[in-house]
C-alpha atoms as a PDB file:
ATOM      1  CA  MET A   1      -4.974  31.927  -9.205  1.00  0.00           C
ATOM      2  CA  ARG A   2      -8.183  32.364  -7.168  1.00  0.00           C
ATOM      3  CA  ASP A   3     -11.434  30.376  -7.146  1.00  0.00           C
ATOM      4  CA  LYS A   4     -15.023  31.764  -6.990  1.00  0.00           C
ATOM      5  CA  ARG A   5     -14.843  32.325  -3.219  1.00  0.00           C
ATOM      6  CA  GLY A   6     -11.627  34.310  -3.503  1.00  0.00           C
ATOM      7  CA  ALA A   7      -9.461  31.599  -1.989  1.00  0.00           C
ATOM      8  CA  GLU A   8      -6.095  31.092  -3.580  1.00  0.00           C
ATOM      9  CA  ARG A   9      -5.791  27.912  -5.638  1.00  0.00           C
ATOM     10  CA  LYS A  10      -2.503  26.180  -6.044  1.00  0.00           C
ATOM     11  CA  SER A  11      -1.762  24.314  -9.215  1.00  0.00           C
ATOM     12  CA  LEU A  12       0.196  21.118  -9.466  1.00  0.00           C
ATOM     13  CA  PRO A  13       3.745  21.367 -10.817  1.00  0.00           C
ATOM     14  CA  ILE A  14       4.209  20.647 -14.495  1.00  0.00           C
ATOM     15  CA  ILE A  15       6.153  17.463 -15.135  1.00  0.00           C
ATOM     16  CA  ASP A  16       8.041  16.949 -18.359  1.00  0.00           C
ATOM     17  CA  ASP A  17       7.309  13.740 -20.262  1.00  0.00           C
ATOM     18  CA  ASP A  18      10.794  12.400 -19.558  1.00  0.00           C
ATOM     19  CA  GLU A  19      10.242  12.846 -15.794  1.00  0.00           C
ATOM     20  CA  ARG A  20       6.851  11.125 -15.772  1.00  0.00           C
ATOM     21  CA  LEU A  21       6.777   7.625 -14.303  1.00  0.00           C
ATOM     22  CA  GLU A  22       5.991   4.693 -16.520  1.00  0.00           C
ATOM     23  CA  SER A  23       2.566   3.210 -15.807  1.00  0.00           C
ATOM     24  CA  GLY A  24       2.762   0.624 -13.044  1.00  0.00           C
ATOM     25  CA  VAL A  25       6.129   1.772 -11.697  1.00  0.00           C
ATOM     26  CA  THR A  26       6.399   2.994  -8.118  1.00  0.00           C
ATOM     27  CA  THR A  27       8.407   6.032  -7.069  1.00  0.00           C
ATOM     28  CA  LYS A  28      11.193   3.734  -5.855  1.00  0.00           C
ATOM     29  CA  GLY A  29      11.527   2.235  -9.331  1.00  0.00           C
ATOM     30  CA  ARG A  30       9.916  -1.097  -8.492  1.00  0.00           C
ATOM     31  CA  ARG A  31       7.315  -2.504 -10.838  1.00  0.00           C
ATOM     32  CA  ARG A  32       3.872  -2.991  -9.317  1.00  0.00           C
ATOM     33  CA  SER A  33       2.461  -6.468  -9.190  1.00  0.00           C
ATOM     34  CA  LYS A  34      -0.005  -7.465 -11.896  1.00  0.00           C
ATOM     35  CA  THR A  35      -3.053  -9.639 -11.384  1.00  0.00           C
ATOM     36  CA  MET A  36      -4.390 -11.770 -14.204  1.00  0.00           C
ATOM     37  CA  SER A  37      -7.964 -13.000 -13.876  1.00  0.00           C
ATOM     38  CA  ARG A  38      -9.179 -16.415 -14.929  1.00  0.00           C
ATOM     39  CA  ARG A  39     -11.045 -14.743 -17.804  1.00  0.00           C
ATOM     40  CA  GLU A  40      -7.852 -13.084 -19.067  1.00  0.00           C
ATOM     41  CA  MET A  41      -5.974 -16.381 -18.880  1.00  0.00           C
ATOM     42  CA  MET A  42      -8.678 -18.190 -20.867  1.00  0.00           C
ATOM     43  CA  ARG A  43      -8.685 -15.406 -23.468  1.00  0.00           C
ATOM     44  CA  GLU A  44      -4.910 -15.660 -23.835  1.00  0.00           C
ATOM     45  CA  ALA A  45      -5.116 -19.459 -24.129  1.00  0.00           C
ATOM     46  CA  ARG A  46      -7.686 -19.105 -26.943  1.00  0.00           C
ATOM     47  CA  ARG A  47      -5.441 -16.602 -28.738  1.00  0.00           C
ATOM     48  CA  MET A  48      -2.483 -18.948 -28.489  1.00  0.00           C
ATOM     49  CA  MET A  49      -4.535 -21.866 -29.804  1.00  0.00           C
ATOM     50  CA  SER A  50      -5.779 -19.752 -32.743  1.00  0.00           C
ATOM     51  CA  ARG A  51      -2.138 -18.950 -33.625  1.00  0.00           C
ATOM     52  CA  GLY A  52      -1.325 -22.652 -33.487  1.00  0.00           C
ATOM     53  CA  GLU A  53       0.661 -22.396 -30.272  1.00  0.00           C
ATOM     54  CA  ILE A  54      -0.163 -25.297 -28.000  1.00  0.00           C
ATOM     55  CA  LEU A  55       1.026 -25.387 -24.424  1.00  0.00           C
ATOM     56  CA  GLU A  56       2.488 -28.744 -23.608  1.00  0.00           C
ATOM     57  CA  LYS A  57       1.616 -30.196 -20.227  1.00  0.00           C
ATOM     58  CA  ILE A  58       4.636 -31.818 -18.671  1.00  0.00           C
ATOM     59  CA  ASP A  59       4.308 -34.481 -16.009  1.00  0.00           C
ATOM     60  CA  TYR A  60       6.840 -34.067 -13.236  1.00  0.00           C
ATOM     61  CA  ASP A  61       7.356 -35.138  -9.657  1.00  0.00           C
ATOM     62  CA  ARG A  62       6.796 -32.069  -7.571  1.00  0.00           C
ATOM     63  CA  PRO A  63       8.132 -32.018  -3.985  1.00  0.00           C
ATOM     64  CA  LYS A  64       5.426 -32.826  -1.472  1.00  0.00           C
ATOM     65  CA  ASN A  65       7.128 -31.464   1.662  1.00  0.00           C
ATOM     66  CA  ARG A  66       9.970 -29.202   2.784  1.00  0.00           C
ATOM     67  CA  LEU A  67      12.507 -32.018   3.115  1.00  0.00           C
ATOM     68  CA  GLN A  68      12.096 -32.919  -0.545  1.00  0.00           C
ATOM     69  CA  CYS A  69      12.620 -29.376  -1.810  1.00  0.00           C
ATOM     70  CA  LYS A  70      15.046 -27.982   0.783  1.00  0.00           C
ATOM     71  CA  ASP A  71      18.168 -28.968  -1.130  1.00  0.00           C
ATOM     72  CA  GLY A  72      16.559 -28.566  -4.557  1.00  0.00           C
ATOM     73  CA  SER A  73      17.864 -26.292  -7.246  1.00  0.00           C
ATOM     74  CA  ARG A  74      17.381 -22.550  -6.900  1.00  0.00           C
ATOM     75  CA  PRO A  75      15.674 -20.565  -8.198  1.00  0.00           C
ATOM     76  CA  CYS A  76      12.740 -22.800  -7.411  1.00  0.00           C
ATOM     77  CA  LEU A  77      10.791 -23.362 -10.618  1.00  0.00           C
ATOM     78  CA  TYR A  78       7.662 -24.725  -8.922  1.00  0.00           C
ATOM     79  CA  VAL A  79       5.790 -21.425  -9.228  1.00  0.00           C
ATOM     80  CA  SER A  80       2.483 -23.073  -8.305  1.00  0.00           C
ATOM     81  CA  CYS A  81       3.835 -23.846  -4.818  1.00  0.00           C
ATOM     82  CA  LYS A  82       2.225 -21.656  -2.163  1.00  0.00           C
ATOM     83  CA  HIS A  83       5.676 -20.727  -0.834  1.00  0.00           C
ATOM     84  CA  ASN A  84       7.022 -19.502  -4.181  1.00  0.00           C
ATOM     85  CA  LEU A  85       7.514 -15.733  -4.234  1.00  0.00           C
ATOM     86  CA  TYR A  86       7.229 -15.259  -7.994  1.00  0.00           C
ATOM     87  CA  LEU A  87       3.446 -15.462  -8.140  1.00  0.00           C
ATOM     88  CA  ASP A  88       0.398 -15.944  -5.917  1.00  0.00           C
ATOM     89  CA  VAL A  89      -2.678 -17.942  -6.850  1.00  0.00           C
ATOM     90  CA  ASN A  90      -6.034 -16.886  -5.409  1.00  0.00           C
ATOM     91  CA  MET A  91      -7.947 -20.133  -4.951  1.00  0.00           C
ATOM     92  CA  MET A  92     -11.271 -18.297  -4.524  1.00  0.00           C
ATOM     93  CA  THR A  93     -11.194 -16.406  -7.825  1.00  0.00           C
ATOM     94  CA  GLY A  94      -8.659 -18.430  -9.784  1.00  0.00           C
ATOM     95  CA  SER A  95      -6.653 -15.299 -10.503  1.00  0.00           C
ATOM     96  CA  ILE A  96      -2.876 -15.151 -10.537  1.00  0.00           C
ATOM     97  CA  LYS A  97      -0.873 -12.244  -9.135  1.00  0.00           C
ATOM     98  CA  PHE A  98       2.560 -11.773 -10.674  1.00  0.00           C
ATOM     99  CA  ASN A  99       4.612 -10.174  -7.887  1.00  0.00           C
ATOM    100  CA  PHE A 100       7.446  -9.225 -10.238  1.00  0.00           C
ATOM    101  CA  PRO A 101       5.925  -8.707 -13.719  1.00  0.00           C
ATOM    102  CA  ASP A 102       9.090  -7.086 -15.059  1.00  0.00           C
ATOM    103  CA  LYS A 103      11.434  -9.903 -13.999  1.00  0.00           C
ATOM    104  CA  ASP A 104      12.006 -13.479 -14.978  1.00  0.00           C
ATOM    105  CA  ILE A 105      12.140 -16.033 -12.173  1.00  0.00           C
ATOM    106  CA  TYR A 106      15.895 -16.384 -12.726  1.00  0.00           C
ATOM    107  CA  GLU A 107      16.377 -12.707 -11.880  1.00  0.00           C
ATOM    108  CA  LEU A 108      14.943 -13.003  -8.342  1.00  0.00           C
ATOM    109  CA  LYS A 109      17.343 -13.213  -5.396  1.00  0.00           C
ATOM    110  CA  GLU A 110      14.853 -15.275  -3.387  1.00  0.00           C
ATOM    111  CA  THR A 111      12.161 -17.554  -4.794  1.00  0.00           C
ATOM    112  CA  CYS A 112      11.040 -19.572  -1.753  1.00  0.00           C
ATOM    113  CA  ALA A 113       9.491 -18.087   1.389  1.00  0.00           C
ATOM    114  CA  LEU A 114      10.663 -21.100   3.382  1.00  0.00           C
ATOM    115  CA  ASP A 115      14.301 -20.368   2.490  1.00  0.00           C
ATOM    116  CA  VAL A 116      13.830 -16.817   3.758  1.00  0.00           C
ATOM    117  CA  ALA A 117      12.191 -18.054   6.982  1.00  0.00           C
ATOM    118  CA  GLU A 118      14.996 -20.534   7.667  1.00  0.00           C
ATOM    119  CA  ARG A 119      17.617 -17.834   7.203  1.00  0.00           C
ATOM    120  CA  GLY A 120      16.262 -15.956  10.213  1.00  0.00           C
ATOM    121  CA  GLY A 121      15.035 -12.489  11.118  1.00  0.00           C
ATOM    122  CA  ILE A 122      15.143  -9.804   8.468  1.00  0.00           C
ATOM    123  CA  THR A 123      14.118  -6.156   8.407  1.00  0.00           C
ATOM    124  CA  LEU A 124      10.863  -4.753   7.052  1.00  0.00           C
ATOM    125  CA  GLU A 125      12.800  -3.268   4.140  1.00  0.00           C
ATOM    126  CA  GLU A 126      14.214  -6.671   3.214  1.00  0.00           C
ATOM    127  CA  VAL A 127      10.779  -8.283   3.449  1.00  0.00           C
ATOM    128  CA  GLY A 128       9.382  -5.495   1.277  1.00  0.00           C
ATOM    129  CA  GLU A 129      12.059  -6.034  -1.344  1.00  0.00           C
ATOM    130  CA  ILE A 130      11.450  -9.785  -1.383  1.00  0.00           C
ATOM    131  CA  LEU A 131       7.656  -9.398  -1.652  1.00  0.00           C
ATOM    132  CA  ASN A 132       7.679  -6.267  -3.828  1.00  0.00           C
ATOM    133  CA  LEU A 133       5.869  -4.246  -1.137  1.00  0.00           C
ATOM    134  CA  THR A 134       6.656  -1.048   0.729  1.00  0.00           C
ATOM    135  CA  ARG A 135       8.022  -1.166   4.263  1.00  0.00           C
ATOM    136  CA  GLU A 136       4.800   0.423   5.540  1.00  0.00           C
ATOM    137  CA  ARG A 137       2.614  -2.197   3.851  1.00  0.00           C
ATOM    138  CA  VAL A 138       4.752  -4.971   5.362  1.00  0.00           C
ATOM    139  CA  ARG A 139       4.327  -3.362   8.808  1.00  0.00           C
ATOM    140  CA  GLN A 140       0.541  -3.183   8.310  1.00  0.00           C
ATOM    141  CA  LEU A 141       0.407  -6.853   7.296  1.00  0.00           C
ATOM    142  CA  GLU A 142       2.545  -7.808  10.281  1.00  0.00           C
ATOM    143  CA  MET A 143       0.231  -5.974  12.695  1.00  0.00           C
ATOM    144  CA  SER A 144      -2.844  -7.550  11.101  1.00  0.00           C
ATOM    145  CA  ALA A 145      -1.331 -11.041  11.327  1.00  0.00           C
ATOM    146  CA  LEU A 146      -0.321 -10.558  14.971  1.00  0.00           C
ATOM    147  CA  GLU A 147      -3.836  -9.402  15.829  1.00  0.00           C
ATOM    148  CA  LYS A 148      -5.318 -12.478  14.145  1.00  0.00           C
ATOM    149  CA  ILE A 149      -2.914 -14.723  16.060  1.00  0.00           C
ATOM    150  CA  ARG A 150      -3.843 -13.052  19.353  1.00  0.00           C
ATOM    151  CA  ALA A 151      -7.553 -13.428  18.636  1.00  0.00           C
ATOM    152  CA  ALA A 152      -7.143 -17.090  17.661  1.00  0.00           C
ATOM    153  CA  GLY A 153      -4.937 -17.682  20.703  1.00  0.00           C
ATOM    154  CA  GLU A 154      -7.590 -16.367  23.070  1.00  0.00           C
ATOM    155  CA  ASP A 155     -10.148 -18.700  21.522  1.00  0.00           C
ATOM    156  CA  VAL A 156      -8.057 -21.821  22.099  1.00  0.00           C
ATOM    157  CA  GLY A 157      -6.366 -20.876  25.364  1.00  0.00           C
ATOM    158  CA  LEU A 158      -2.949 -19.913  24.020  1.00  0.00           C
ATOM    159  CA  ILE A 159      -2.964 -16.668  26.006  1.00  0.00           C
ATOM    160  CA  ALA A 160      -1.106 -18.557  28.780  1.00  0.00           C
ATOM    161  CA  PHE A 161       1.968 -18.664  26.500  1.00  0.00           C
ATOM    162  CA  GLU A 162       2.111 -14.898  25.972  1.00  0.00           C
ATOM    163  CA  GLY A 163       5.544 -13.644  26.934  1.00  0.00           C
ATOM    164  CA  TRP A 164       6.942 -17.189  27.023  1.00  0.00           C
ATOM    165  CA  ASP A 165      10.617 -17.388  26.131  1.00  0.00           C
ATOM    166  CA  PRO A 166      11.526 -20.621  24.294  1.00  0.00           C
ATOM    167  CA  ASP A 167      15.208 -20.120  25.181  1.00  0.00           C
ATOM    168  CA  ARG A 168      14.553 -20.503  28.914  1.00  0.00           C
ATOM    169  CA  SER A 169      15.081 -24.085  30.069  1.00  0.00           C
ATOM    170  CA  ASP A 170      12.617 -24.061  32.974  1.00  0.00           C
ATOM    171  CA  PRO A 171       9.073 -22.995  32.028  1.00  0.00           C
ATOM    172  CA  GLY A 172       8.291 -22.255  35.700  1.00  0.00           C
ATOM    173  CA  GLU A 173      10.888 -19.500  36.064  1.00  0.00           C
END
C-alpha cells in the first residue's frame, strides 16, 4: 500500500478478538493500577446510601509505630497506613490508587513496605512485582530518588559521607 507521496505504508497486524488484551491489563498479564478520585468515592457513597447500604465506621487501635505492628498479623489490614502496598492515598487530591485492583488484600504476598525493607536487598524485578510496576519504571524511580538525595545532601553538607562504608570500624581509614 502506498501513500500520496509514493512511499510504502505498512499496516498494523490484524489481531483476533481472543488475542486482544483486556482493558487495563499489561502485556505481562498484570493488571494496571486504578485511581479513584474523591468525586468518584463520594458518588459511590451516595449510591450505596440510596440503596440502603450504610458503611459502618469501626473504632480500632491502629499501630502508631513500627514496634507495634512488626509482629502483627499479615496480611496487614491497615490499608490507610502509608507503608501498606495495597493502596496509596494522595493527600493533595484525596484520591486513592489501588495498586492491585484485580486482587484482594489476602492474595498479596507482601502488604507492608517495612517488611520488605527489613528483609534486605531485592532485585528490580522483585520490587516491580511487589509494587505492580515494570522493572524499567522501578529503575527510573530509583534514579530519581538518588538524585533527590544527592541534591538534598549537598544542601545540608552530607556530601562528606559519600562513599562512606558503614561496615568499616574506623571512619578515618
